[in-house]
N, C-alpha and C. Protein backbone atom coordinates (compact mmCIF):
# COMPACT_ATOMS: atom_id res chain seq x y z
N LYS A 1 0.85 -1.18 0.00
CA LYS A 1 0.00 0.00 0.00
C LYS A 1 0.89 1.23 0.00
N GLY A 2 0.75 2.07 -0.99
CA GLY A 2 1.51 3.30 -1.06
C GLY A 2 2.96 3.13 -1.47
N ALA A 3 3.33 1.98 -1.99
CA ALA A 3 4.74 1.75 -2.33
C ALA A 3 4.90 1.42 -3.80
N ASP A 4 4.90 2.46 -4.62
CA ASP A 4 5.20 2.27 -6.05
C ASP A 4 4.19 1.37 -6.75
N LYS A 5 2.93 1.64 -6.56
CA LYS A 5 1.87 0.79 -7.12
C LYS A 5 1.96 0.65 -8.64
N ALA A 6 2.49 1.64 -9.33
CA ALA A 6 2.58 1.56 -10.78
C ALA A 6 3.53 0.45 -11.22
N ASN A 7 4.51 0.12 -10.40
CA ASN A 7 5.50 -0.88 -10.75
C ASN A 7 5.18 -2.27 -10.21
N VAL A 8 4.42 -2.35 -9.13
CA VAL A 8 4.13 -3.63 -8.48
C VAL A 8 2.89 -4.25 -9.12
N VAL A 9 3.06 -5.47 -9.66
CA VAL A 9 1.91 -6.14 -10.28
C VAL A 9 1.39 -7.29 -9.44
N ALA A 10 2.19 -7.78 -8.49
CA ALA A 10 1.74 -8.88 -7.63
C ALA A 10 2.59 -8.92 -6.36
N VAL A 11 1.95 -9.31 -5.27
CA VAL A 11 2.64 -9.54 -4.00
C VAL A 11 2.11 -10.87 -3.47
N ARG A 12 3.05 -11.75 -3.08
CA ARG A 12 2.65 -13.08 -2.61
C ARG A 12 3.34 -13.39 -1.29
N LEU A 13 2.56 -13.73 -0.27
CA LEU A 13 3.10 -14.20 1.00
C LEU A 13 3.48 -15.67 0.82
N PHE A 14 4.76 -16.01 1.04
CA PHE A 14 5.13 -17.41 0.86
C PHE A 14 5.68 -18.06 2.12
N ASP A 15 5.76 -17.32 3.23
CA ASP A 15 6.18 -17.94 4.48
C ASP A 15 5.64 -17.13 5.65
N ASP A 16 5.10 -17.82 6.64
CA ASP A 16 4.59 -17.23 7.87
C ASP A 16 5.12 -18.10 9.00
N PHE A 17 6.16 -17.61 9.70
CA PHE A 17 6.84 -18.42 10.71
C PHE A 17 6.74 -17.76 12.07
N ARG A 18 6.45 -18.58 13.07
CA ARG A 18 6.47 -18.17 14.48
C ARG A 18 7.18 -19.28 15.23
N GLY A 19 8.10 -18.93 16.05
CA GLY A 19 8.82 -19.96 16.79
C GLY A 19 10.21 -19.50 17.17
N GLN A 20 11.10 -20.48 17.33
CA GLN A 20 12.45 -20.22 17.79
C GLN A 20 13.13 -19.16 16.92
N GLY A 21 13.68 -18.15 17.59
CA GLY A 21 14.37 -17.08 16.89
C GLY A 21 13.50 -15.88 16.58
N VAL A 22 12.19 -16.03 16.75
CA VAL A 22 11.26 -14.92 16.51
C VAL A 22 10.71 -14.49 17.86
N PRO A 23 10.83 -13.20 18.21
CA PRO A 23 10.35 -12.73 19.51
C PRO A 23 8.87 -13.06 19.75
N GLU A 24 8.54 -13.32 21.02
CA GLU A 24 7.17 -13.62 21.43
C GLU A 24 6.24 -12.51 20.95
N GLY A 25 5.11 -12.90 20.39
CA GLY A 25 4.12 -11.94 19.91
C GLY A 25 4.41 -11.41 18.52
N GLN A 26 5.48 -11.88 17.90
CA GLN A 26 5.82 -11.45 16.54
C GLN A 26 5.84 -12.66 15.62
N LYS A 27 5.86 -12.40 14.34
CA LYS A 27 5.98 -13.47 13.36
C LYS A 27 6.89 -12.99 12.23
N SER A 28 7.46 -13.94 11.55
CA SER A 28 8.33 -13.65 10.42
C SER A 28 7.57 -13.95 9.13
N LEU A 29 7.39 -12.93 8.31
CA LEU A 29 6.69 -13.10 7.05
C LEU A 29 7.67 -12.91 5.90
N ALA A 30 7.56 -13.73 4.89
CA ALA A 30 8.38 -13.57 3.68
C ALA A 30 7.44 -13.34 2.51
N VAL A 31 7.73 -12.31 1.75
CA VAL A 31 6.88 -11.97 0.62
C VAL A 31 7.70 -11.88 -0.67
N GLU A 32 7.03 -12.16 -1.75
CA GLU A 32 7.61 -12.02 -3.08
C GLU A 32 6.88 -10.87 -3.76
N VAL A 33 7.62 -9.91 -4.28
CA VAL A 33 7.04 -8.77 -4.98
C VAL A 33 7.43 -8.88 -6.45
N THR A 34 6.43 -8.88 -7.32
CA THR A 34 6.68 -8.95 -8.76
C THR A 34 6.51 -7.56 -9.36
N LEU A 35 7.54 -7.13 -10.07
CA LEU A 35 7.53 -5.81 -10.71
C LEU A 35 7.36 -5.97 -12.21
N GLN A 36 6.68 -5.01 -12.82
CA GLN A 36 6.50 -5.00 -14.27
C GLN A 36 6.94 -3.64 -14.79
N PRO A 37 8.06 -3.61 -15.52
CA PRO A 37 8.50 -2.32 -16.06
C PRO A 37 7.56 -1.85 -17.16
N GLY A 38 7.56 -0.54 -17.37
CA GLY A 38 6.71 0.03 -18.42
C GLY A 38 7.33 -0.13 -19.79
N GLU A 39 8.09 0.86 -20.20
CA GLU A 39 8.63 0.89 -21.56
C GLU A 39 9.99 0.24 -21.70
N LYS A 40 10.73 0.12 -20.60
CA LYS A 40 12.08 -0.45 -20.68
C LYS A 40 12.37 -1.25 -19.42
N SER A 41 13.39 -2.06 -19.47
CA SER A 41 13.80 -2.83 -18.30
C SER A 41 14.35 -1.90 -17.23
N TYR A 42 14.24 -2.32 -15.97
CA TYR A 42 14.81 -1.54 -14.88
C TYR A 42 16.32 -1.71 -14.85
N ASP A 43 17.01 -0.64 -14.47
CA ASP A 43 18.44 -0.80 -14.21
C ASP A 43 18.63 -0.99 -12.71
N GLU A 44 19.84 -1.26 -12.29
CA GLU A 44 20.12 -1.57 -10.88
C GLU A 44 19.70 -0.44 -9.95
N ALA A 45 19.95 0.80 -10.34
CA ALA A 45 19.59 1.95 -9.50
C ALA A 45 18.07 2.06 -9.34
N GLU A 46 17.33 1.81 -10.41
CA GLU A 46 15.87 1.86 -10.33
C GLU A 46 15.33 0.77 -9.42
N LEU A 47 15.89 -0.44 -9.52
CA LEU A 47 15.46 -1.54 -8.65
C LEU A 47 15.74 -1.23 -7.19
N LYS A 48 16.91 -0.67 -6.90
CA LYS A 48 17.24 -0.31 -5.52
C LYS A 48 16.28 0.74 -4.99
N ALA A 49 15.93 1.73 -5.81
CA ALA A 49 15.01 2.78 -5.39
C ALA A 49 13.62 2.22 -5.12
N ILE A 50 13.14 1.32 -5.97
CA ILE A 50 11.83 0.70 -5.77
C ILE A 50 11.84 -0.13 -4.49
N ALA A 51 12.89 -0.92 -4.28
CA ALA A 51 12.99 -1.74 -3.07
C ALA A 51 13.00 -0.86 -1.83
N GLU A 52 13.69 0.26 -1.88
CA GLU A 52 13.74 1.18 -0.74
C GLU A 52 12.35 1.74 -0.44
N ARG A 53 11.60 2.12 -1.47
CA ARG A 53 10.25 2.64 -1.25
C ARG A 53 9.33 1.57 -0.65
N ILE A 54 9.48 0.33 -1.09
CA ILE A 54 8.67 -0.76 -0.56
C ILE A 54 9.01 -1.02 0.90
N THR A 55 10.30 -1.09 1.24
CA THR A 55 10.68 -1.35 2.63
C THR A 55 10.33 -0.18 3.54
N THR A 56 10.40 1.05 3.03
CA THR A 56 10.00 2.22 3.82
C THR A 56 8.50 2.16 4.12
N ALA A 57 7.70 1.81 3.13
CA ALA A 57 6.25 1.69 3.34
C ALA A 57 5.95 0.58 4.34
N ALA A 58 6.66 -0.54 4.26
CA ALA A 58 6.45 -1.63 5.22
C ALA A 58 6.84 -1.21 6.62
N ALA A 59 7.93 -0.45 6.75
CA ALA A 59 8.38 0.01 8.07
C ALA A 59 7.33 0.92 8.71
N LYS A 60 6.63 1.70 7.92
CA LYS A 60 5.57 2.58 8.45
C LYS A 60 4.44 1.76 9.07
N LEU A 61 4.33 0.50 8.65
CA LEU A 61 3.31 -0.40 9.20
C LEU A 61 3.85 -1.24 10.36
N GLY A 62 5.11 -0.99 10.75
CA GLY A 62 5.70 -1.71 11.88
C GLY A 62 6.58 -2.88 11.49
N ALA A 63 6.77 -3.10 10.21
CA ALA A 63 7.61 -4.21 9.76
C ALA A 63 9.08 -3.90 10.01
N VAL A 64 9.85 -4.94 10.28
CA VAL A 64 11.29 -4.82 10.46
C VAL A 64 11.95 -5.75 9.46
N LEU A 65 12.83 -5.21 8.64
CA LEU A 65 13.53 -6.02 7.66
C LEU A 65 14.65 -6.77 8.35
N ARG A 66 14.70 -8.08 8.19
CA ARG A 66 15.75 -8.86 8.85
C ARG A 66 16.96 -8.98 7.94
N GLY A 67 18.08 -9.33 8.56
CA GLY A 67 19.29 -9.60 7.81
C GLY A 67 20.04 -8.38 7.56
């Protein structure tokens, strides 16, 4: 939500883990984000910028990026 909707064509949750290594009351979610470029392929800088906007939007919802 609010993270580069023009570029994101699909988001899929592929893992929902709770247990050892995850703090009590929290869960670890893994998502796959599919991007669709418009007129040309993305370059590395564009991909990094899109990823930053997505992680910033997730952080506003309380998400913490691991690793």
